[in-house]
């Protein structure tokens, strides 16, 4: 077992920060590797998960005043107090001193990363974060890019660099640890409303006592 594998390294709500890279309205339109609506739901789920576990949220944008557009409105509304860094030109957000400082100032060493695009915005930050001494978890179903081939290549490159590839549901479960701990009820609701819509049927069945 490699030293960055579960359970040797698990996400910890007291060590983690949720990082959204370029989840911008214009960039979302170009996503082709999976369903845009699924991606949107997972992004909102991650923001709600961060709130449930009191995990700090850091966002960054690229050319928000141009064609990339603003942060997806629902994401911005879920975490209005998030730290946000508007990059004037850096492609790898880690090259932006304000973004790098925001990560340091969070006091967290586990970065839960998602963004658009997977092969540039997420991959570059994740690899640079590993080089800077952070742990990096790339949430693949809350990230998107222009082709499946590009996404697959990026995931392979990140994995080889030591980035842990994961999903929205896995992030929630790893932070929760035990359904009986604080946040369990909220996570079940987030699953049913956003991350696993079919889960809402299970919740309804359970409440009915069926």
N, C-alpha and C. Protein backbone atom coordinates (compact mmCIF):
# COMPACT_ATOMS: atom_id res chain seq x y z
N UNK A 1 0.85 -1.20 0.00
CA UNK A 1 0.00 0.00 0.00
C UNK A 1 0.88 1.25 0.00
N UNK A 2 0.63 2.18 -0.91
CA UNK A 2 1.41 3.41 -0.94
C UNK A 2 0.99 4.30 0.23
N UNK A 3 1.87 5.22 0.61
CA UNK A 3 1.60 6.00 1.81
C UNK A 3 0.56 7.08 1.61
N UNK A 4 0.04 7.24 0.38
CA UNK A 4 -1.04 8.21 0.19
C UNK A 4 -2.37 7.51 -0.09
N UNK A 5 -2.45 6.23 0.28
CA UNK A 5 -3.65 5.45 0.02
C UNK A 5 -4.51 5.35 1.28
N UNK A 6 -5.81 5.18 1.07
CA UNK A 6 -6.72 4.93 2.17
C UNK A 6 -6.45 3.53 2.70
N UNK A 7 -6.42 3.30 4.02
CA UNK A 7 -6.71 4.26 5.09
C UNK A 7 -5.48 4.94 5.68
N UNK A 8 -4.30 4.77 5.06
CA UNK A 8 -3.11 5.42 5.60
C UNK A 8 -3.29 6.93 5.68
N UNK A 9 -3.94 7.50 4.68
CA UNK A 9 -4.25 8.93 4.67
C UNK A 9 -5.73 9.08 4.39
N UNK A 10 -6.46 9.64 5.34
CA UNK A 10 -7.88 9.89 5.14
C UNK A 10 -8.16 11.38 5.29
N UNK A 11 -9.17 11.84 4.61
CA UNK A 11 -9.57 13.22 4.80
C UNK A 11 -10.04 13.43 6.23
N UNK A 12 -9.69 14.59 6.77
CA UNK A 12 -10.03 14.95 8.13
C UNK A 12 -10.66 16.34 8.08
N UNK A 13 -11.85 16.48 8.63
CA UNK A 13 -12.54 17.78 8.55
C UNK A 13 -11.76 18.90 9.23
N UNK A 14 -10.85 18.57 10.13
CA UNK A 14 -10.06 19.60 10.80
C UNK A 14 -8.76 19.92 10.06
N UNK A 15 -8.48 19.15 9.02
CA UNK A 15 -7.27 19.40 8.22
C UNK A 15 -7.58 19.84 6.79
N UNK A 16 -8.83 19.69 6.39
CA UNK A 16 -9.19 19.88 4.98
C UNK A 16 -9.65 21.30 4.67
N UNK A 17 -9.42 21.70 3.42
CA UNK A 17 -10.00 22.92 2.85
C UNK A 17 -10.64 22.53 1.52
N UNK A 18 -11.78 23.13 1.21
CA UNK A 18 -12.47 22.88 -0.04
C UNK A 18 -12.08 23.97 -1.04
N UNK A 19 -11.52 23.56 -2.17
CA UNK A 19 -10.98 24.52 -3.12
C UNK A 19 -11.70 24.38 -4.47
N UNK A 20 -12.33 25.45 -4.92
CA UNK A 20 -13.03 25.48 -6.20
C UNK A 20 -12.23 26.34 -7.18
N UNK A 21 -11.81 25.73 -8.28
CA UNK A 21 -10.96 26.41 -9.25
C UNK A 21 -11.73 26.65 -10.56
N UNK A 22 -12.03 27.90 -10.83
CA UNK A 22 -12.63 28.31 -12.11
C UNK A 22 -13.97 27.64 -12.41
N UNK A 23 -14.80 27.49 -11.39
CA UNK A 23 -16.18 27.05 -11.63
C UNK A 23 -16.97 28.27 -12.08
N UNK A 24 -16.79 28.62 -13.33
CA UNK A 24 -17.35 29.85 -13.88
C UNK A 24 -18.40 29.54 -14.95
N UNK A 25 -19.39 30.42 -15.01
CA UNK A 25 -20.56 30.16 -15.86
C UNK A 25 -20.18 29.93 -17.32
N UNK A 26 -19.26 30.72 -17.84
CA UNK A 26 -18.86 30.56 -19.24
C UNK A 26 -18.12 29.27 -19.49
N UNK A 27 -17.25 28.89 -18.57
CA UNK A 27 -16.48 27.66 -18.73
C UNK A 27 -17.37 26.43 -18.62
N UNK A 28 -18.39 26.50 -17.79
CA UNK A 28 -19.31 25.36 -17.64
C UNK A 28 -19.95 24.99 -18.98
N UNK A 29 -20.20 25.98 -19.80
CA UNK A 29 -20.84 25.73 -21.10
C UNK A 29 -19.99 24.84 -22.00
N UNK A 30 -18.67 24.85 -21.81
CA UNK A 30 -17.79 24.08 -22.68
C UNK A 30 -17.53 22.66 -22.22
N UNK A 31 -18.05 22.27 -21.07
CA UNK A 31 -17.81 20.92 -20.54
C UNK A 31 -18.48 19.89 -21.44
N UNK A 32 -17.71 18.88 -21.84
CA UNK A 32 -18.23 17.84 -22.73
C UNK A 32 -17.99 16.42 -22.23
N UNK A 33 -17.18 16.26 -21.18
CA UNK A 33 -16.82 14.90 -20.77
C UNK A 33 -17.87 14.23 -19.91
N UNK A 34 -18.73 15.00 -19.28
CA UNK A 34 -19.90 14.41 -18.64
C UNK A 34 -21.01 15.44 -18.50
N UNK A 35 -22.12 15.00 -17.98
CA UNK A 35 -23.33 15.81 -17.94
C UNK A 35 -23.15 17.09 -17.12
N UNK A 36 -23.47 18.22 -17.70
CA UNK A 36 -23.28 19.51 -17.03
C UNK A 36 -24.15 19.62 -15.78
N UNK A 37 -25.37 19.09 -15.85
CA UNK A 37 -26.25 19.17 -14.71
C UNK A 37 -25.72 18.35 -13.54
N UNK A 38 -25.18 17.18 -13.84
CA UNK A 38 -24.57 16.36 -12.79
C UNK A 38 -23.39 17.10 -12.16
N UNK A 39 -22.57 17.72 -13.00
CA UNK A 39 -21.43 18.47 -12.50
C UNK A 39 -21.91 19.60 -11.58
N UNK A 40 -22.92 20.34 -12.03
CA UNK A 40 -23.44 21.46 -11.24
C UNK A 40 -23.94 20.97 -9.88
N UNK A 41 -24.69 19.88 -9.88
CA UNK A 41 -25.21 19.36 -8.61
C UNK A 41 -24.07 18.96 -7.67
N UNK A 42 -23.04 18.34 -8.21
CA UNK A 42 -21.93 17.90 -7.38
C UNK A 42 -21.14 19.07 -6.81
N UNK A 43 -21.00 20.13 -7.59
CA UNK A 43 -20.32 21.33 -7.11
C UNK A 43 -21.08 21.93 -5.94
N UNK A 44 -22.39 22.05 -6.08
CA UNK A 44 -23.21 22.59 -4.98
C UNK A 44 -23.14 21.66 -3.78
N UNK A 45 -23.16 20.35 -4.02
CA UNK A 45 -23.06 19.38 -2.93
C UNK A 45 -21.75 19.58 -2.16
N UNK A 46 -20.65 19.76 -2.86
CA UNK A 46 -19.36 19.96 -2.18
C UNK A 46 -19.39 21.21 -1.31
N UNK A 47 -20.00 22.27 -1.81
CA UNK A 47 -20.09 23.50 -1.02
C UNK A 47 -20.92 23.27 0.25
N UNK A 48 -22.02 22.55 0.11
CA UNK A 48 -22.87 22.24 1.27
C UNK A 48 -22.16 21.30 2.25
N UNK A 49 -21.40 20.37 1.71
CA UNK A 49 -20.60 19.47 2.56
C UNK A 49 -19.60 20.28 3.38
N UNK A 50 -18.96 21.24 2.74
CA UNK A 50 -18.00 22.09 3.45
C UNK A 50 -18.69 22.84 4.58
N UNK A 51 -19.89 23.35 4.32
CA UNK A 51 -20.63 24.06 5.37
C UNK A 51 -20.99 23.12 6.51
N UNK A 52 -21.44 21.91 6.18
CA UNK A 52 -21.85 20.96 7.21
C UNK A 52 -20.71 20.60 8.14
N UNK A 53 -19.50 20.54 7.61
CA UNK A 53 -18.35 20.13 8.41
C UNK A 53 -17.46 21.30 8.84
N UNK A 54 -17.92 22.53 8.55
CA UNK A 54 -17.16 23.73 8.90
C UNK A 54 -15.76 23.70 8.30
N UNK A 55 -15.69 23.27 7.05
CA UNK A 55 -14.45 23.23 6.30
C UNK A 55 -14.31 24.55 5.53
N UNK A 56 -13.18 25.24 5.64
CA UNK A 56 -13.04 26.51 4.92
C UNK A 56 -13.09 26.32 3.40
N UNK A 57 -13.66 27.32 2.73
CA UNK A 57 -13.82 27.27 1.28
C UNK A 57 -12.98 28.37 0.64
N UNK A 58 -12.21 27.99 -0.36
CA UNK A 58 -11.39 28.94 -1.12
C UNK A 58 -11.75 28.79 -2.59
N UNK A 59 -12.05 29.90 -3.23
CA UNK A 59 -12.36 29.89 -4.66
C UNK A 59 -11.36 30.75 -5.41
N UNK A 60 -11.20 30.43 -6.68
CA UNK A 60 -10.41 31.30 -7.54
C UNK A 60 -11.04 31.32 -8.93
N UNK A 61 -10.88 32.44 -9.61
CA UNK A 61 -11.42 32.60 -10.96
C UNK A 61 -10.33 33.07 -11.91
N UNK A 62 -10.58 32.87 -13.19
CA UNK A 62 -9.68 33.34 -14.24
C UNK A 62 -10.49 34.18 -15.22
N UNK A 63 -10.06 35.41 -15.44
CA UNK A 63 -10.73 36.30 -16.40
C UNK A 63 -12.25 36.34 -16.17
N UNK A 64 -12.63 36.58 -14.92
CA UNK A 64 -14.05 36.57 -14.57
C UNK A 64 -14.83 37.69 -15.27
N UNK A 65 -14.15 38.75 -15.66
CA UNK A 65 -14.81 39.86 -16.36
C UNK A 65 -14.89 39.63 -17.86
N UNK A 66 -14.31 38.52 -18.33
CA UNK A 66 -14.31 38.21 -19.75
C UNK A 66 -15.22 37.05 -20.07
N UNK A 67 -14.87 36.28 -21.11
CA UNK A 67 -15.74 35.19 -21.56
C UNK A 67 -15.90 34.06 -20.56
N UNK A 68 -14.95 33.90 -19.63
CA UNK A 68 -15.09 32.82 -18.65
C UNK A 68 -16.27 33.05 -17.72
N UNK A 69 -16.61 34.30 -17.51
CA UNK A 69 -17.78 34.64 -16.72
C UNK A 69 -17.56 34.54 -15.22
N UNK A 70 -18.60 34.88 -14.45
CA UNK A 70 -18.51 34.86 -12.99
C UNK A 70 -18.60 33.44 -12.43
N UNK A 71 -18.34 33.30 -11.14
CA UNK A 71 -18.54 32.04 -10.45
C UNK A 71 -20.00 31.61 -10.62
N UNK A 72 -20.25 30.32 -10.81
CA UNK A 72 -21.61 29.81 -10.93
C UNK A 72 -22.43 30.36 -9.77
N UNK A 73 -23.57 30.97 -10.09
CA UNK A 73 -24.32 31.74 -9.09
C UNK A 73 -24.73 30.91 -7.88
N UNK A 74 -25.15 29.67 -8.09
CA UNK A 74 -25.57 28.84 -6.96
C UNK A 74 -24.42 28.56 -6.02
N UNK A 75 -23.24 28.34 -6.56
CA UNK A 75 -22.06 28.10 -5.73
C UNK A 75 -21.77 29.32 -4.88
N UNK A 76 -21.79 30.48 -5.50
CA UNK A 76 -21.51 31.73 -4.78
C UNK A 76 -22.53 31.96 -3.67
N UNK A 77 -23.78 31.60 -3.92
CA UNK A 77 -24.82 31.85 -2.92
C UNK A 77 -24.75 30.88 -1.74
N UNK A 78 -24.27 29.65 -1.99
CA UNK A 78 -24.17 28.66 -0.91
C UNK A 78 -23.07 29.04 0.08
N UNK A 79 -21.96 29.57 -0.42
CA UNK A 79 -20.83 29.91 0.46
C UNK A 79 -20.42 31.38 0.23
N UNK A 80 -21.31 32.30 0.63
CA UNK A 80 -21.02 33.72 0.37
C UNK A 80 -19.81 34.26 1.10
N UNK A 81 -19.39 33.58 2.16
CA UNK A 81 -18.24 34.05 2.94
C UNK A 81 -16.93 33.41 2.51
N UNK A 82 -16.95 32.66 1.42
CA UNK A 82 -15.73 31.99 0.96
C UNK A 82 -14.66 33.01 0.57
N UNK A 83 -13.43 32.63 0.79
CA UNK A 83 -12.31 33.43 0.28
C UNK A 83 -12.25 33.25 -1.22
N UNK A 84 -12.21 34.35 -1.98
CA UNK A 84 -12.16 34.24 -3.43
C UNK A 84 -11.01 35.09 -3.97
N UNK A 85 -10.24 34.48 -4.85
CA UNK A 85 -9.09 35.15 -5.46
C UNK A 85 -9.32 35.22 -6.95
N UNK A 86 -9.35 36.43 -7.49
CA UNK A 86 -9.53 36.64 -8.93
C UNK A 86 -8.14 36.77 -9.57
N UNK A 87 -7.76 35.77 -10.35
CA UNK A 87 -6.44 35.78 -10.97
C UNK A 87 -6.45 36.64 -12.23
N UNK A 88 -5.47 37.50 -12.40
CA UNK A 88 -5.43 38.34 -13.60
C UNK A 88 -4.87 37.64 -14.83
N UNK A 89 -4.19 36.49 -14.64
CA UNK A 89 -3.61 35.86 -15.82
C UNK A 89 -2.98 34.51 -15.59
N UNK A 90 -2.63 34.19 -14.35
CA UNK A 90 -1.94 32.92 -14.08
C UNK A 90 -2.83 31.73 -14.42
N UNK A 91 -2.28 30.78 -15.16
CA UNK A 91 -3.03 29.57 -15.52
C UNK A 91 -3.06 28.61 -14.35
N UNK A 92 -1.90 28.30 -13.79
CA UNK A 92 -1.82 27.50 -12.57
C UNK A 92 -2.09 28.44 -11.41
N UNK A 93 -3.20 28.23 -10.72
CA UNK A 93 -3.57 29.15 -9.64
C UNK A 93 -2.50 29.23 -8.56
N UNK A 94 -1.71 28.16 -8.41
CA UNK A 94 -0.65 28.19 -7.41
C UNK A 94 0.44 29.20 -7.74
N UNK A 95 0.49 29.67 -8.98
CA UNK A 95 1.44 30.71 -9.35
C UNK A 95 0.98 32.09 -8.91
N UNK A 96 -0.27 32.20 -8.48
CA UNK A 96 -0.80 33.48 -8.01
C UNK A 96 -0.50 33.62 -6.52
N UNK A 97 0.24 34.64 -6.13
CA UNK A 97 0.65 34.75 -4.72
C UNK A 97 -0.51 34.90 -3.75
N UNK A 98 -1.60 35.53 -4.18
CA UNK A 98 -2.74 35.70 -3.28
C UNK A 98 -3.45 34.36 -3.04
N UNK A 99 -3.53 33.54 -4.07
CA UNK A 99 -4.14 32.22 -3.92
C UNK A 99 -3.27 31.34 -3.02
N UNK A 100 -1.97 31.34 -3.29
CA UNK A 100 -1.05 30.55 -2.47
C UNK A 100 -1.12 30.99 -1.01
N UNK A 101 -1.26 32.29 -0.79
CA UNK A 101 -1.35 32.81 0.57
C UNK A 101 -2.67 32.40 1.23
N UNK A 102 -3.74 32.37 0.45
CA UNK A 102 -5.04 31.96 0.99
C UNK A 102 -4.99 30.51 1.47
N UNK A 103 -4.31 29.67 0.71
CA UNK A 103 -4.16 28.28 1.15
C UNK A 103 -3.36 28.21 2.45
N UNK A 104 -2.26 28.92 2.50
CA UNK A 104 -1.43 28.92 3.71
C UNK A 104 -2.21 29.45 4.91
N UNK A 105 -2.93 30.54 4.69
CA UNK A 105 -3.65 31.19 5.78
C UNK A 105 -4.79 30.34 6.31
N UNK A 106 -5.27 29.40 5.51
CA UNK A 106 -6.35 28.52 5.97
C UNK A 106 -5.89 27.60 7.09
N UNK A 107 -4.58 27.36 7.15
CA UNK A 107 -4.03 26.47 8.15
C UNK A 107 -4.33 25.01 7.89
N UNK A 108 -4.82 24.69 6.69
CA UNK A 108 -5.19 23.32 6.34
C UNK A 108 -4.15 22.73 5.39
N UNK A 109 -3.92 21.42 5.52
CA UNK A 109 -2.91 20.79 4.67
C UNK A 109 -3.49 19.73 3.73
N UNK A 110 -4.82 19.54 3.75
CA UNK A 110 -5.49 18.63 2.83
C UNK A 110 -6.41 19.45 1.93
N UNK A 111 -6.13 19.46 0.65
CA UNK A 111 -6.91 20.26 -0.29
C UNK A 111 -7.85 19.38 -1.09
N UNK A 112 -9.14 19.66 -1.00
CA UNK A 112 -10.16 18.97 -1.80
C UNK A 112 -10.43 19.86 -3.00
N UNK A 113 -9.98 19.43 -4.17
CA UNK A 113 -9.95 20.27 -5.36
C UNK A 113 -10.97 19.84 -6.40
N UNK A 114 -11.62 20.81 -7.01
CA UNK A 114 -12.45 20.56 -8.18
C UNK A 114 -12.41 21.80 -9.05
N UNK A 115 -12.77 21.65 -10.32
CA UNK A 115 -12.73 22.83 -11.17
C UNK A 115 -12.98 22.54 -12.63
N UNK A 116 -12.94 23.59 -13.41
CA UNK A 116 -13.07 23.54 -14.86
C UNK A 116 -11.91 24.35 -15.43
N UNK A 117 -10.97 23.70 -16.11
CA UNK A 117 -11.07 22.36 -16.65
C UNK A 117 -10.23 21.37 -15.84
N UNK A 118 -10.61 20.10 -15.93
CA UNK A 118 -9.91 19.05 -15.21
C UNK A 118 -8.45 18.97 -15.60
N UNK A 119 -8.18 19.07 -16.91
CA UNK A 119 -6.82 18.84 -17.41
C UNK A 119 -5.89 20.03 -17.24
N UNK A 120 -6.41 21.19 -16.93
CA UNK A 120 -5.57 22.37 -16.73
C UNK A 120 -5.76 22.92 -15.32
N UNK A 121 -6.92 23.49 -15.07
CA UNK A 121 -7.15 24.20 -13.80
C UNK A 121 -7.01 23.30 -12.59
N UNK A 122 -7.55 22.09 -12.65
CA UNK A 122 -7.46 21.17 -11.53
C UNK A 122 -6.10 20.48 -11.51
N UNK A 123 -5.71 19.93 -12.64
CA UNK A 123 -4.48 19.14 -12.71
C UNK A 123 -3.25 19.95 -12.30
N UNK A 124 -3.13 21.16 -12.83
CA UNK A 124 -1.95 21.97 -12.53
C UNK A 124 -1.90 22.33 -11.05
N UNK A 125 -3.03 22.78 -10.49
CA UNK A 125 -3.07 23.15 -9.07
C UNK A 125 -2.77 21.94 -8.20
N UNK A 126 -3.38 20.80 -8.52
CA UNK A 126 -3.18 19.60 -7.70
C UNK A 126 -1.72 19.18 -7.68
N UNK A 127 -1.09 19.19 -8.84
CA UNK A 127 0.31 18.78 -8.90
C UNK A 127 1.22 19.78 -8.19
N UNK A 128 0.92 21.07 -8.35
CA UNK A 128 1.72 22.09 -7.66
C UNK A 128 1.51 22.01 -6.15
N UNK A 129 0.28 21.68 -5.73
CA UNK A 129 0.00 21.54 -4.30
C UNK A 129 0.79 20.39 -3.70
N UNK A 130 0.85 19.27 -4.42
CA UNK A 130 1.66 18.14 -3.96
C UNK A 130 3.12 18.57 -3.81
N UNK A 131 3.64 19.29 -4.79
CA UNK A 131 5.03 19.74 -4.75
C UNK A 131 5.28 20.70 -3.58
N UNK A 132 4.22 21.43 -3.18
CA UNK A 132 4.34 22.38 -2.08
C UNK A 132 4.12 21.74 -0.71
N UNK A 133 3.84 20.44 -0.70
CA UNK A 133 3.71 19.73 0.57
C UNK A 133 2.30 19.49 1.05
N UNK A 134 1.31 19.88 0.26
CA UNK A 134 -0.09 19.61 0.62
C UNK A 134 -0.48 18.19 0.18
N UNK A 135 -1.52 17.66 0.81
CA UNK A 135 -2.21 16.51 0.25
C UNK A 135 -3.26 17.04 -0.70
N UNK A 136 -3.48 16.36 -1.82
CA UNK A 136 -4.44 16.84 -2.82
C UNK A 136 -5.40 15.74 -3.21
N UNK A 137 -6.69 16.04 -3.10
CA UNK A 137 -7.77 15.14 -3.51
C UNK A 137 -8.51 15.82 -4.66
N UNK A 138 -8.52 15.22 -5.83
CA UNK A 138 -9.20 15.79 -7.00
C UNK A 138 -10.57 15.13 -7.15
N UNK A 139 -11.63 15.92 -7.07
CA UNK A 139 -12.99 15.41 -7.13
C UNK A 139 -13.40 15.38 -8.61
N UNK A 140 -13.32 14.21 -9.20
CA UNK A 140 -13.48 14.11 -10.66
C UNK A 140 -14.89 14.39 -11.13
N UNK A 141 -15.91 14.03 -10.34
CA UNK A 141 -17.28 14.24 -10.82
C UNK A 141 -17.81 15.64 -10.52
N UNK A 142 -16.97 16.48 -9.91
CA UNK A 142 -17.31 17.89 -9.73
C UNK A 142 -16.38 18.77 -10.57
N UNK A 143 -15.69 18.13 -11.51
CA UNK A 143 -14.78 18.81 -12.43
C UNK A 143 -15.17 18.42 -13.84
N UNK A 144 -14.76 19.22 -14.81
CA UNK A 144 -15.11 18.91 -16.19
C UNK A 144 -14.15 19.53 -17.17
N UNK A 145 -14.16 18.98 -18.38
CA UNK A 145 -13.29 19.53 -19.43
C UNK A 145 -13.92 19.29 -20.79
N UNK A 146 -13.15 19.50 -21.83
CA UNK A 146 -13.69 19.58 -23.18
C UNK A 146 -13.84 18.23 -23.85
N UNK A 147 -13.20 17.18 -23.30
CA UNK A 147 -13.32 15.85 -23.89
C UNK A 147 -12.99 14.79 -22.87
N UNK A 148 -13.54 13.61 -23.05
CA UNK A 148 -13.26 12.50 -22.15
C UNK A 148 -11.78 12.12 -22.22
N UNK A 149 -11.21 12.18 -23.42
CA UNK A 149 -9.79 11.85 -23.59
C UNK A 149 -8.92 12.77 -22.74
N UNK A 150 -9.24 14.06 -22.74
CA UNK A 150 -8.47 15.01 -21.94
C UNK A 150 -8.62 14.73 -20.45
N UNK A 151 -9.83 14.40 -20.03
CA UNK A 151 -10.07 14.10 -18.62
C UNK A 151 -9.30 12.86 -18.19
N UNK A 152 -9.32 11.83 -19.02
CA UNK A 152 -8.62 10.59 -18.69
C UNK A 152 -7.11 10.82 -18.59
N UNK A 153 -6.57 11.58 -19.52
CA UNK A 153 -5.14 11.87 -19.49
C UNK A 153 -4.77 12.66 -18.24
N UNK A 154 -5.63 13.62 -17.87
CA UNK A 154 -5.35 14.43 -16.68
C UNK A 154 -5.39 13.58 -15.42
N UNK A 155 -6.37 12.68 -15.33
CA UNK A 155 -6.48 11.82 -14.15
C UNK A 155 -5.27 10.91 -14.02
N UNK A 156 -4.79 10.39 -15.15
CA UNK A 156 -3.61 9.55 -15.12
C UNK A 156 -2.39 10.35 -14.65
N UNK A 157 -2.25 11.56 -15.18
CA UNK A 157 -1.12 12.40 -14.80
C UNK A 157 -1.17 12.76 -13.32
N UNK A 158 -2.35 13.13 -12.83
CA UNK A 158 -2.49 13.48 -11.41
C UNK A 158 -2.19 12.30 -10.51
N UNK A 159 -2.73 11.15 -10.87
CA UNK A 159 -2.53 9.96 -10.05
C UNK A 159 -1.04 9.62 -9.94
N UNK A 160 -0.33 9.72 -11.05
CA UNK A 160 1.10 9.43 -11.04
C UNK A 160 1.88 10.42 -10.18
N UNK A 161 1.32 11.63 -10.03
CA UNK A 161 1.99 12.66 -9.22
C UNK A 161 1.64 12.55 -7.74
N UNK A 162 0.75 11.62 -7.38
CA UNK A 162 0.39 11.45 -5.98
C UNK A 162 -0.91 12.08 -5.57
N UNK A 163 -1.65 12.62 -6.53
CA UNK A 163 -2.97 13.19 -6.25
C UNK A 163 -3.96 12.04 -6.07
N UNK A 164 -4.83 12.15 -5.09
CA UNK A 164 -5.85 11.13 -4.85
C UNK A 164 -7.10 11.49 -5.64
N UNK A 165 -7.53 10.60 -6.53
CA UNK A 165 -8.74 10.83 -7.32
C UNK A 165 -9.94 10.33 -6.53
N UNK A 166 -10.99 11.12 -6.48
CA UNK A 166 -12.13 10.76 -5.66
C UNK A 166 -13.42 11.31 -6.25
N UNK A 167 -14.51 11.15 -5.51
CA UNK A 167 -15.83 11.61 -5.96
C UNK A 167 -16.49 12.43 -4.87
N UNK A 168 -17.56 13.10 -5.23
CA UNK A 168 -18.29 13.93 -4.28
C UNK A 168 -18.79 13.10 -3.09
N UNK A 169 -19.41 11.97 -3.38
CA UNK A 169 -19.95 11.12 -2.32
C UNK A 169 -18.83 10.58 -1.43
N UNK A 170 -17.71 10.18 -2.04
CA UNK A 170 -16.59 9.65 -1.25
C UNK A 170 -16.02 10.72 -0.33
N UNK A 171 -15.93 11.96 -0.80
CA UNK A 171 -15.44 13.06 0.04
C UNK A 171 -16.34 13.22 1.26
N UNK A 172 -17.65 13.24 1.03
CA UNK A 172 -18.59 13.39 2.14
C UNK A 172 -18.45 12.26 3.15
N UNK A 173 -18.38 11.04 2.65
CA UNK A 173 -18.29 9.88 3.53
C UNK A 173 -16.98 9.86 4.30
N UNK A 174 -15.90 10.26 3.64
CA UNK A 174 -14.58 10.24 4.29
C UNK A 174 -14.51 11.28 5.40
N UNK A 175 -15.13 12.44 5.18
CA UNK A 175 -15.16 13.47 6.21
C UNK A 175 -16.11 13.11 7.35
N UNK A 176 -17.21 12.44 7.01
CA UNK A 176 -18.22 12.09 8.01
C UNK A 176 -17.74 11.02 8.97
N UNK A 177 -17.13 9.95 8.45
CA UNK A 177 -16.58 8.82 9.22
C UNK A 177 -17.68 7.92 9.77
N UNK A 178 -18.68 8.51 10.44
CA UNK A 178 -19.71 7.72 11.11
C UNK A 178 -21.03 8.49 10.98
N UNK A 179 -22.07 7.83 10.51
CA UNK A 179 -23.36 8.50 10.31
C UNK A 179 -23.91 9.10 11.61
N UNK A 180 -23.44 8.61 12.75
CA UNK A 180 -23.95 9.09 14.03
C UNK A 180 -23.26 10.37 14.49
N UNK A 181 -22.20 10.78 13.81
CA UNK A 181 -21.49 11.97 14.22
C UNK A 181 -22.15 13.22 13.65
N UNK A 182 -21.72 14.38 14.14
CA UNK A 182 -22.29 15.65 13.72
C UNK A 182 -22.20 15.82 12.20
N UNK A 183 -23.30 16.15 11.58
CA UNK A 183 -23.33 16.35 10.14
C UNK A 183 -23.99 15.22 9.38
N UNK A 184 -24.26 14.09 10.05
CA UNK A 184 -24.81 12.94 9.35
C UNK A 184 -26.15 13.21 8.69
N UNK A 185 -27.06 13.85 9.42
CA UNK A 185 -28.37 14.16 8.84
C UNK A 185 -28.26 15.09 7.65
N UNK A 186 -27.38 16.08 7.75
CA UNK A 186 -27.20 17.02 6.65
C UNK A 186 -26.65 16.33 5.41
N UNK A 187 -25.71 15.41 5.61
CA UNK A 187 -25.10 14.72 4.48
C UNK A 187 -26.14 13.86 3.76
N UNK A 188 -27.00 13.17 4.51
CA UNK A 188 -28.04 12.38 3.89
C UNK A 188 -28.93 13.25 3.02
N UNK A 189 -29.27 14.43 3.50
CA UNK A 189 -30.11 15.36 2.74
C UNK A 189 -29.39 15.86 1.48
N UNK A 190 -28.10 16.15 1.61
CA UNK A 190 -27.30 16.62 0.46
C UNK A 190 -27.23 15.53 -0.60
N UNK A 191 -27.04 14.29 -0.17
CA UNK A 191 -27.03 13.18 -1.12
C UNK A 191 -28.34 13.13 -1.89
N UNK A 192 -29.46 13.17 -1.17
CA UNK A 192 -30.75 13.04 -1.82
C UNK A 192 -31.12 14.19 -2.73
N UNK A 193 -30.69 15.38 -2.38
CA UNK A 193 -31.05 16.55 -3.17
C UNK A 193 -30.09 16.82 -4.31
N UNK A 194 -28.81 16.46 -4.12
CA UNK A 194 -27.81 16.84 -5.11
C UNK A 194 -26.96 15.67 -5.63
N UNK A 195 -26.17 15.06 -4.77
CA UNK A 195 -25.15 14.12 -5.24
C UNK A 195 -25.72 12.80 -5.75
N UNK A 196 -26.77 12.29 -5.10
CA UNK A 196 -27.39 11.03 -5.52
C UNK A 196 -28.91 11.24 -5.49
N UNK A 197 -29.48 11.84 -6.52
CA UNK A 197 -30.92 12.14 -6.48
C UNK A 197 -31.79 10.93 -6.14
N UNK A 198 -31.40 9.74 -6.59
CA UNK A 198 -32.19 8.55 -6.30
C UNK A 198 -32.22 8.24 -4.81
N UNK A 199 -31.24 8.76 -4.07
CA UNK A 199 -31.17 8.51 -2.63
C UNK A 199 -32.37 9.12 -1.91
N UNK A 200 -32.98 10.13 -2.52
CA UNK A 200 -34.15 10.76 -1.91
C UNK A 200 -35.30 9.77 -1.76
N UNK A 201 -35.39 8.82 -2.68
CA UNK A 201 -36.44 7.79 -2.57
C UNK A 201 -36.20 6.91 -1.35
N UNK A 202 -34.92 6.57 -1.12
CA UNK A 202 -34.58 5.77 0.05
C UNK A 202 -34.92 6.52 1.34
N UNK A 203 -34.60 7.82 1.37
CA UNK A 203 -34.92 8.61 2.56
C UNK A 203 -36.42 8.66 2.80
N UNK A 204 -37.18 8.85 1.72
CA UNK A 204 -38.65 8.88 1.85
C UNK A 204 -39.19 7.56 2.36
N UNK A 205 -38.62 6.47 1.86
CA UNK A 205 -39.04 5.14 2.29
C UNK A 205 -38.75 4.95 3.78
N UNK A 206 -37.57 5.39 4.21
CA UNK A 206 -37.18 5.24 5.61
C UNK A 206 -38.10 6.06 6.53
N UNK A 207 -38.42 7.27 6.09
CA UNK A 207 -39.29 8.12 6.91
C UNK A 207 -40.71 7.58 7.01
N UNK A 208 -41.12 6.88 5.97
CA UNK A 208 -42.48 6.33 5.97
C UNK A 208 -42.60 5.08 6.84
N UNK A 209 -41.43 4.55 7.24
CA UNK A 209 -41.42 3.34 8.04
C UNK A 209 -41.71 2.08 7.26
N UNK A 210 -41.50 2.18 5.90
CA UNK A 210 -41.83 1.06 5.04
C UNK A 210 -40.84 -0.07 5.09
